[in-house]
Amino acid sequence: MRKHIFGLAAGLFAMIVTSTTSWAAATDAGVVLGSTGEATAKSADGTTRKMDRRSSIMVGDTLMTGTAGTMQIRMKDGAVLALGEGSEFAVQSYSYKAAGDAKDSASLKLLKGTLMQVSGQMEKSAYSLETPVSTLGIRGTTFNISINPNGSVTA
């Protein structure tokens, strides 16, 4: 009987460790403040989910809005982003209030569409936004970026 209980406890412990490791790999980067129309996120593992108010934004997510969709996001450092219609935006990495020797950092990518942002509290030198034609270092401001249909970028 004790062997069965020990085996059950060991199995339960393994499940907890595995699920905790999986959870830790998906880091929370922000939250959806609001959305209209079609607004979805595709996670790093390929699953797609609908984005509504209070939906979590995770590192590795690619956020997408449809032709009549918009999404407003607040990142953990307080930055506010607004994605326009037909946009695609990736959270490649994001770490705010990093522990130990790790430093805050954010690597974001606007793949298509429009983005308006008001900077947050993160150290500005730790923040970058990539577009198909350039990488921007943000130094604390409000800005708009648009990837035009011809592939050019307007900031």
N, C-alpha and C. Protein backbone atom coordinates (compact mmCIF):
# COMPACT_ATOMS: atom_id res chain seq x y z
N MET A 1 0.82 -1.19 0.00
CA MET A 1 0.00 0.00 0.00
C MET A 1 0.87 1.26 0.00
N ARG A 2 1.93 1.25 0.80
CA ARG A 2 2.81 2.40 0.87
C ARG A 2 3.49 2.66 -0.48
N LYS A 3 3.82 1.59 -1.21
CA LYS A 3 4.44 1.75 -2.53
C LYS A 3 3.49 2.49 -3.46
N HIS A 4 2.21 2.17 -3.41
CA HIS A 4 1.22 2.83 -4.28
C HIS A 4 1.06 4.31 -3.92
N ILE A 5 1.04 4.60 -2.62
CA ILE A 5 0.90 5.99 -2.17
C ILE A 5 2.15 6.78 -2.57
N PHE A 6 3.33 6.16 -2.38
CA PHE A 6 4.57 6.83 -2.77
C PHE A 6 4.59 7.08 -4.27
N GLY A 7 4.18 6.10 -5.05
CA GLY A 7 4.13 6.25 -6.51
C GLY A 7 3.17 7.35 -6.92
N LEU A 8 2.00 7.40 -6.28
CA LEU A 8 1.02 8.44 -6.57
C LEU A 8 1.56 9.82 -6.20
N ALA A 9 2.21 9.92 -5.04
CA ALA A 9 2.78 11.20 -4.62
C ALA A 9 3.90 11.63 -5.56
N ALA A 10 4.74 10.71 -5.99
CA ALA A 10 5.82 11.04 -6.92
C ALA A 10 5.26 11.50 -8.26
N GLY A 11 4.22 10.84 -8.74
CA GLY A 11 3.57 11.24 -9.99
C GLY A 11 2.94 12.62 -9.89
N LEU A 12 2.28 12.89 -8.77
CA LEU A 12 1.67 14.19 -8.54
C LEU A 12 2.74 15.28 -8.49
N PHE A 13 3.83 15.01 -7.81
CA PHE A 13 4.93 15.97 -7.73
C PHE A 13 5.49 16.25 -9.12
N ALA A 14 5.67 15.23 -9.94
CA ALA A 14 6.18 15.40 -11.31
C ALA A 14 5.23 16.26 -12.13
N MET A 15 3.92 16.07 -11.97
CA MET A 15 2.94 16.87 -12.71
C MET A 15 3.01 18.33 -12.27
N ILE A 16 3.18 18.58 -10.99
CA ILE A 16 3.26 19.94 -10.48
C ILE A 16 4.51 20.63 -11.01
N VAL A 17 5.65 19.95 -10.96
CA VAL A 17 6.90 20.52 -11.47
C VAL A 17 6.79 20.81 -12.96
N THR A 18 6.23 19.90 -13.74
CA THR A 18 6.07 20.09 -15.18
C THR A 18 5.15 21.26 -15.47
N SER A 19 4.01 21.34 -14.79
CA SER A 19 3.08 22.43 -15.06
C SER A 19 3.64 23.76 -14.59
N THR A 20 4.41 23.79 -13.51
CA THR A 20 5.02 25.03 -13.04
C THR A 20 6.08 25.49 -14.02
N THR A 21 6.86 24.57 -14.57
CA THR A 21 7.88 24.92 -15.55
C THR A 21 7.22 25.48 -16.79
N SER A 22 6.16 24.89 -17.29
CA SER A 22 5.47 25.38 -18.46
C SER A 22 4.89 26.75 -18.20
N TRP A 23 4.31 26.97 -17.03
CA TRP A 23 3.72 28.25 -16.69
C TRP A 23 4.78 29.33 -16.62
N ALA A 24 5.93 29.01 -16.04
CA ALA A 24 6.99 30.00 -15.89
C ALA A 24 7.55 30.42 -17.24
N ALA A 25 7.54 29.52 -18.24
CA ALA A 25 8.06 29.85 -19.56
C ALA A 25 7.21 30.89 -20.26
N ALA A 26 5.93 30.94 -19.97
CA ALA A 26 5.03 31.91 -20.59
C ALA A 26 4.90 33.11 -19.67
N THR A 27 5.69 34.13 -19.91
CA THR A 27 5.73 35.29 -19.04
C THR A 27 4.67 36.30 -19.42
N ASP A 28 3.96 36.77 -18.42
CA ASP A 28 2.93 37.78 -18.61
C ASP A 28 3.60 39.12 -18.91
N ALA A 29 3.21 39.77 -20.03
CA ALA A 29 3.82 41.04 -20.42
C ALA A 29 2.84 42.20 -20.30
N GLY A 30 1.55 41.93 -20.31
CA GLY A 30 0.57 43.01 -20.25
C GLY A 30 -0.84 42.49 -20.28
N VAL A 31 -1.79 43.41 -20.51
CA VAL A 31 -3.20 43.07 -20.49
C VAL A 31 -3.94 43.91 -21.54
N VAL A 32 -4.99 43.34 -22.10
CA VAL A 32 -5.82 44.06 -23.05
C VAL A 32 -6.75 44.99 -22.27
N LEU A 33 -6.74 46.27 -22.63
CA LEU A 33 -7.64 47.23 -22.01
C LEU A 33 -8.99 47.22 -22.71
N GLY A 34 -8.99 46.98 -24.01
CA GLY A 34 -10.21 46.93 -24.79
C GLY A 34 -9.92 46.50 -26.21
N SER A 35 -10.93 46.01 -26.89
CA SER A 35 -10.78 45.61 -28.29
C SER A 35 -12.12 45.77 -29.00
N THR A 36 -12.04 45.95 -30.30
CA THR A 36 -13.24 45.99 -31.13
C THR A 36 -13.02 45.09 -32.33
N GLY A 37 -14.09 44.57 -32.89
CA GLY A 37 -13.97 43.72 -34.07
C GLY A 37 -13.14 42.49 -33.79
N GLU A 38 -12.45 42.04 -34.80
CA GLU A 38 -11.61 40.84 -34.67
C GLU A 38 -10.27 41.21 -34.03
N ALA A 39 -9.99 40.62 -32.88
CA ALA A 39 -8.74 40.84 -32.15
C ALA A 39 -8.32 39.50 -31.56
N THR A 40 -7.17 38.99 -32.00
CA THR A 40 -6.71 37.67 -31.58
C THR A 40 -5.23 37.70 -31.21
N ALA A 41 -4.79 36.65 -30.55
CA ALA A 41 -3.37 36.45 -30.24
C ALA A 41 -3.01 35.04 -30.64
N LYS A 42 -1.87 34.91 -31.26
CA LYS A 42 -1.32 33.59 -31.59
C LYS A 42 -0.11 33.40 -30.69
N SER A 43 -0.16 32.37 -29.85
CA SER A 43 0.92 32.14 -28.89
C SER A 43 2.11 31.45 -29.57
N ALA A 44 3.21 31.37 -28.86
CA ALA A 44 4.42 30.77 -29.39
C ALA A 44 4.21 29.32 -29.82
N ASP A 45 3.27 28.60 -29.18
CA ASP A 45 3.01 27.21 -29.54
C ASP A 45 2.00 27.08 -30.70
N GLY A 46 1.54 28.22 -31.25
CA GLY A 46 0.66 28.19 -32.41
C GLY A 46 -0.83 28.26 -32.12
N THR A 47 -1.22 28.22 -30.84
CA THR A 47 -2.64 28.30 -30.53
C THR A 47 -3.12 29.74 -30.65
N THR A 48 -4.34 29.90 -31.12
CA THR A 48 -4.93 31.22 -31.30
C THR A 48 -6.05 31.40 -30.30
N ARG A 49 -6.13 32.60 -29.72
CA ARG A 49 -7.20 32.89 -28.77
C ARG A 49 -7.75 34.29 -29.04
N LYS A 50 -9.03 34.46 -28.74
CA LYS A 50 -9.71 35.74 -28.90
C LYS A 50 -9.25 36.66 -27.78
N MET A 51 -9.02 37.92 -28.12
CA MET A 51 -8.57 38.89 -27.13
C MET A 51 -9.72 39.84 -26.78
N ASP A 52 -10.09 39.82 -25.52
CA ASP A 52 -11.12 40.69 -24.97
C ASP A 52 -10.51 41.50 -23.85
N ARG A 53 -11.31 42.37 -23.28
CA ARG A 53 -10.86 43.15 -22.13
C ARG A 53 -10.36 42.21 -21.04
N ARG A 54 -9.22 42.53 -20.48
CA ARG A 54 -8.56 41.78 -19.41
C ARG A 54 -7.84 40.51 -19.87
N SER A 55 -7.79 40.24 -21.18
CA SER A 55 -7.02 39.10 -21.66
C SER A 55 -5.53 39.37 -21.44
N SER A 56 -4.80 38.35 -21.05
CA SER A 56 -3.36 38.50 -20.81
C SER A 56 -2.58 38.49 -22.12
N ILE A 57 -1.55 39.33 -22.16
CA ILE A 57 -0.59 39.35 -23.26
C ILE A 57 0.65 38.64 -22.73
N MET A 58 1.12 37.64 -23.45
CA MET A 58 2.25 36.85 -23.01
C MET A 58 3.45 37.05 -23.94
N VAL A 59 4.66 36.87 -23.39
CA VAL A 59 5.85 36.89 -24.22
C VAL A 59 5.72 35.77 -25.24
N GLY A 60 5.99 36.08 -26.49
CA GLY A 60 5.85 35.11 -27.58
C GLY A 60 4.56 35.27 -28.35
N ASP A 61 3.62 36.06 -27.83
CA ASP A 61 2.36 36.29 -28.54
C ASP A 61 2.55 37.18 -29.76
N THR A 62 1.79 36.88 -30.80
CA THR A 62 1.63 37.78 -31.94
C THR A 62 0.18 38.22 -31.92
N LEU A 63 -0.03 39.51 -31.74
CA LEU A 63 -1.36 40.08 -31.65
C LEU A 63 -1.82 40.52 -33.04
N MET A 64 -3.07 40.22 -33.38
CA MET A 64 -3.58 40.54 -34.71
C MET A 64 -4.95 41.18 -34.60
N THR A 65 -5.17 42.20 -35.43
CA THR A 65 -6.49 42.81 -35.54
C THR A 65 -6.98 42.62 -36.97
N GLY A 66 -8.29 42.41 -37.12
CA GLY A 66 -8.88 42.23 -38.44
C GLY A 66 -9.05 43.57 -39.15
N THR A 67 -9.68 43.51 -40.31
CA THR A 67 -9.85 44.73 -41.12
C THR A 67 -10.70 45.78 -40.41
N ALA A 68 -11.53 45.39 -39.47
CA ALA A 68 -12.32 46.34 -38.69
C ALA A 68 -12.03 46.20 -37.20
N GLY A 69 -10.85 45.68 -36.86
CA GLY A 69 -10.51 45.43 -35.46
C GLY A 69 -9.48 46.40 -34.92
N THR A 70 -9.56 46.65 -33.62
CA THR A 70 -8.56 47.44 -32.91
C THR A 70 -8.31 46.79 -31.55
N MET A 71 -7.18 47.13 -30.95
CA MET A 71 -6.86 46.60 -29.63
C MET A 71 -6.04 47.63 -28.86
N GLN A 72 -6.38 47.81 -27.59
CA GLN A 72 -5.62 48.69 -26.71
C GLN A 72 -5.02 47.83 -25.61
N ILE A 73 -3.74 48.06 -25.33
CA ILE A 73 -2.97 47.20 -24.43
C ILE A 73 -2.24 48.05 -23.40
N ARG A 74 -2.13 47.55 -22.17
CA ARG A 74 -1.26 48.16 -21.17
C ARG A 74 -0.20 47.12 -20.82
N MET A 75 1.05 47.50 -21.02
CA MET A 75 2.16 46.62 -20.67
C MET A 75 2.42 46.74 -19.17
N LYS A 76 3.19 45.80 -18.61
CA LYS A 76 3.43 45.78 -17.17
C LYS A 76 4.14 47.02 -16.65
N ASP A 77 4.89 47.72 -17.50
CA ASP A 77 5.58 48.94 -17.06
C ASP A 77 4.70 50.17 -17.19
N GLY A 78 3.45 49.99 -17.63
CA GLY A 78 2.52 51.11 -17.75
C GLY A 78 2.42 51.68 -19.15
N ALA A 79 3.26 51.23 -20.08
CA ALA A 79 3.16 51.70 -21.47
C ALA A 79 1.79 51.32 -22.01
N VAL A 80 1.20 52.20 -22.81
CA VAL A 80 -0.10 51.94 -23.42
C VAL A 80 0.09 51.91 -24.93
N LEU A 81 -0.40 50.85 -25.57
CA LEU A 81 -0.29 50.68 -27.01
C LEU A 81 -1.67 50.54 -27.61
N ALA A 82 -1.85 51.09 -28.80
CA ALA A 82 -3.10 50.94 -29.53
C ALA A 82 -2.76 50.41 -30.92
N LEU A 83 -3.31 49.26 -31.25
CA LEU A 83 -3.13 48.67 -32.58
C LEU A 83 -4.33 49.04 -33.44
N GLY A 84 -4.04 49.52 -34.64
CA GLY A 84 -5.11 49.88 -35.55
C GLY A 84 -5.62 48.69 -36.33
N GLU A 85 -6.52 48.96 -37.25
CA GLU A 85 -7.12 47.91 -38.09
C GLU A 85 -6.06 47.22 -38.94
N GLY A 86 -6.20 45.91 -39.09
CA GLY A 86 -5.30 45.13 -39.94
C GLY A 86 -3.86 45.12 -39.48
N SER A 87 -3.65 45.10 -38.17
CA SER A 87 -2.28 45.15 -37.62
C SER A 87 -1.84 43.78 -37.13
N GLU A 88 -0.53 43.63 -37.07
CA GLU A 88 0.10 42.43 -36.53
C GLU A 88 1.31 42.88 -35.73
N PHE A 89 1.36 42.48 -34.46
CA PHE A 89 2.35 42.98 -33.51
C PHE A 89 2.86 41.83 -32.66
N ALA A 90 4.18 41.66 -32.55
CA ALA A 90 4.76 40.54 -31.80
C ALA A 90 5.49 41.02 -30.55
N VAL A 91 5.27 40.32 -29.45
CA VAL A 91 6.00 40.55 -28.20
C VAL A 91 7.10 39.48 -28.17
N GLN A 92 8.28 39.85 -28.68
CA GLN A 92 9.37 38.88 -28.79
C GLN A 92 10.00 38.58 -27.44
N SER A 93 10.22 39.61 -26.64
CA SER A 93 10.72 39.42 -25.27
C SER A 93 10.22 40.60 -24.44
N TYR A 94 10.07 40.36 -23.15
CA TYR A 94 9.60 41.42 -22.27
C TYR A 94 9.91 41.03 -20.83
N SER A 95 10.67 41.88 -20.16
CA SER A 95 11.00 41.64 -18.76
C SER A 95 11.04 42.98 -18.05
N TYR A 96 10.13 43.17 -17.11
CA TYR A 96 10.07 44.41 -16.34
C TYR A 96 10.21 44.07 -14.87
N LYS A 97 11.02 44.86 -14.18
CA LYS A 97 11.35 44.62 -12.77
C LYS A 97 12.02 43.26 -12.62
N ALA A 98 13.01 43.03 -13.50
CA ALA A 98 13.73 41.76 -13.51
C ALA A 98 14.47 41.56 -12.19
N ALA A 99 14.55 40.34 -11.75
CA ALA A 99 15.19 40.01 -10.48
C ALA A 99 16.66 39.65 -10.67
N GLY A 100 17.43 39.78 -9.62
CA GLY A 100 18.83 39.38 -9.64
C GLY A 100 19.65 40.26 -10.57
N ASP A 101 20.53 39.62 -11.35
CA ASP A 101 21.40 40.34 -12.27
C ASP A 101 20.71 40.69 -13.58
N ALA A 102 19.52 40.13 -13.81
CA ALA A 102 18.82 40.39 -15.07
C ALA A 102 18.34 41.84 -15.11
N LYS A 103 18.31 42.40 -16.31
CA LYS A 103 17.87 43.78 -16.49
C LYS A 103 16.54 43.81 -17.21
N ASP A 104 15.81 44.90 -17.03
CA ASP A 104 14.57 45.11 -17.78
C ASP A 104 14.90 45.14 -19.26
N SER A 105 13.98 44.60 -20.07
CA SER A 105 14.17 44.67 -21.52
C SER A 105 12.84 44.38 -22.21
N ALA A 106 12.70 44.99 -23.38
CA ALA A 106 11.53 44.73 -24.21
C ALA A 106 11.97 44.74 -25.66
N SER A 107 11.58 43.70 -26.37
CA SER A 107 11.82 43.61 -27.81
C SER A 107 10.47 43.34 -28.46
N LEU A 108 9.97 44.35 -29.16
CA LEU A 108 8.65 44.28 -29.78
C LEU A 108 8.80 44.43 -31.29
N LYS A 109 7.82 43.93 -32.04
CA LYS A 109 7.93 43.99 -33.50
C LYS A 109 6.57 44.28 -34.11
N LEU A 110 6.49 45.37 -34.88
CA LEU A 110 5.29 45.68 -35.65
C LEU A 110 5.49 45.09 -37.03
N LEU A 111 4.71 44.05 -37.35
CA LEU A 111 4.85 43.34 -38.62
C LEU A 111 4.05 44.01 -39.74
N LYS A 112 2.88 44.54 -39.39
CA LYS A 112 2.07 45.28 -40.36
C LYS A 112 1.04 46.10 -39.61
N GLY A 113 0.50 47.11 -40.29
CA GLY A 113 -0.55 47.92 -39.69
C GLY A 113 -0.03 49.16 -39.00
N THR A 114 -0.77 49.59 -37.98
CA THR A 114 -0.43 50.83 -37.26
C THR A 114 -0.36 50.59 -35.76
N LEU A 115 0.48 51.38 -35.13
CA LEU A 115 0.69 51.30 -33.70
C LEU A 115 0.86 52.72 -33.16
N MET A 116 0.17 53.02 -32.10
CA MET A 116 0.39 54.25 -31.35
C MET A 116 0.81 53.83 -29.95
N GLN A 117 1.81 54.50 -29.39
CA GLN A 117 2.28 54.11 -28.07
C GLN A 117 2.60 55.32 -27.21
N VAL A 118 2.28 55.20 -25.94
CA VAL A 118 2.72 56.13 -24.91
C VAL A 118 3.66 55.33 -24.02
N SER A 119 4.90 55.78 -23.89
CA SER A 119 5.92 55.03 -23.14
C SER A 119 5.55 54.86 -21.69
N GLY A 120 6.13 53.80 -21.10
CA GLY A 120 5.89 53.49 -19.69
C GLY A 120 7.11 53.78 -18.85
N GLN A 121 7.27 53.03 -17.76
CA GLN A 121 8.31 53.26 -16.76
C GLN A 121 9.61 52.51 -17.02
N MET A 122 9.62 51.62 -18.01
CA MET A 122 10.83 50.83 -18.27
C MET A 122 11.98 51.74 -18.67
N GLU A 123 13.18 51.37 -18.28
CA GLU A 123 14.38 52.09 -18.70
C GLU A 123 14.38 52.17 -20.22
N LYS A 124 14.45 53.38 -20.74
CA LYS A 124 14.25 53.60 -22.18
C LYS A 124 15.31 52.91 -23.04
N SER A 125 16.53 52.78 -22.55
CA SER A 125 17.57 52.13 -23.34
C SER A 125 17.35 50.62 -23.45
N ALA A 126 16.44 50.08 -22.66
CA ALA A 126 16.17 48.64 -22.67
C ALA A 126 15.04 48.26 -23.61
N TYR A 127 14.53 49.23 -24.36
CA TYR A 127 13.31 49.06 -25.14
C TYR A 127 13.59 49.22 -26.63
N SER A 128 13.14 48.27 -27.46
CA SER A 128 13.29 48.43 -28.90
C SER A 128 12.03 47.96 -29.62
N LEU A 129 11.75 48.62 -30.73
CA LEU A 129 10.61 48.28 -31.57
C LEU A 129 11.12 48.08 -32.99
N GLU A 130 10.90 46.90 -33.52
CA GLU A 130 11.37 46.55 -34.86
C GLU A 130 10.21 46.65 -35.85
N THR A 131 10.51 47.16 -37.05
CA THR A 131 9.57 47.16 -38.16
C THR A 131 10.25 46.44 -39.31
N PRO A 132 9.57 46.19 -40.42
CA PRO A 132 10.23 45.50 -41.54
C PRO A 132 11.44 46.25 -42.11
N VAL A 133 11.55 47.56 -41.89
CA VAL A 133 12.65 48.31 -42.48
C VAL A 133 13.58 48.97 -41.47
N SER A 134 13.26 48.92 -40.17
CA SER A 134 14.11 49.59 -39.19
C SER A 134 13.85 49.06 -37.78
N THR A 135 14.77 49.37 -36.88
CA THR A 135 14.59 49.10 -35.46
C THR A 135 14.69 50.43 -34.74
N LEU A 136 13.70 50.73 -33.92
CA LEU A 136 13.67 52.00 -33.20
C LEU A 136 14.02 51.78 -31.75
N GLY A 137 14.85 52.66 -31.23
CA GLY A 137 15.11 52.71 -29.80
C GLY A 137 14.21 53.79 -29.23
N ILE A 138 13.38 53.47 -28.30
CA ILE A 138 12.42 54.43 -27.76
C ILE A 138 13.04 55.12 -26.55
N ARG A 139 12.94 56.43 -26.49
CA ARG A 139 13.54 57.19 -25.41
C ARG A 139 12.51 57.95 -24.59
N GLY A 140 11.28 57.51 -24.61
CA GLY A 140 10.27 58.12 -23.77
C GLY A 140 9.47 59.19 -24.47
N THR A 141 8.36 58.81 -25.01
CA THR A 141 7.53 59.75 -25.75
C THR A 141 6.23 59.08 -26.15
N THR A 142 5.43 59.83 -26.88
CA THR A 142 4.26 59.27 -27.54
C THR A 142 4.58 59.24 -29.03
N PHE A 143 4.26 58.14 -29.71
CA PHE A 143 4.56 58.08 -31.14
C PHE A 143 3.55 57.21 -31.86
N ASN A 144 3.47 57.42 -33.17
CA ASN A 144 2.65 56.62 -34.09
C ASN A 144 3.58 56.03 -35.14
N ILE A 145 3.35 54.79 -35.49
CA ILE A 145 4.09 54.13 -36.56
C ILE A 145 3.09 53.43 -37.45
N SER A 146 3.30 53.54 -38.75
CA SER A 146 2.41 52.89 -39.70
C SER A 146 3.24 52.21 -40.77
N ILE A 147 2.95 50.93 -41.02
CA ILE A 147 3.57 50.22 -42.14
C ILE A 147 2.60 50.36 -43.29
N ASN A 148 3.03 51.08 -44.30
CA ASN A 148 2.18 51.38 -45.45
C ASN A 148 2.03 50.17 -46.37
N PRO A 149 0.96 50.14 -47.19
CA PRO A 149 0.75 49.01 -48.10
C PRO A 149 1.94 48.73 -49.03
N ASN A 150 2.72 49.76 -49.38
CA ASN A 150 3.87 49.56 -50.26
C ASN A 150 5.11 49.08 -49.51
N GLY A 151 4.99 48.89 -48.18
CA GLY A 151 6.10 48.38 -47.38
C GLY A 151 6.92 49.45 -46.69
N SER A 152 6.70 50.71 -47.03
CA SER A 152 7.43 51.78 -46.37
C SER A 152 6.87 52.00 -44.97
N VAL A 153 7.64 52.66 -44.13
CA VAL A 153 7.21 52.91 -42.75
C VAL A 153 7.15 54.42 -42.53
N THR A 154 6.06 54.86 -41.92
CA THR A 154 5.90 56.26 -41.55
C THR A 154 5.85 56.34 -40.04
N ALA A 155 6.67 57.24 -39.47
CA ALA A 155 6.69 57.39 -38.01
C ALA A 155 6.41 58.84 -37.66
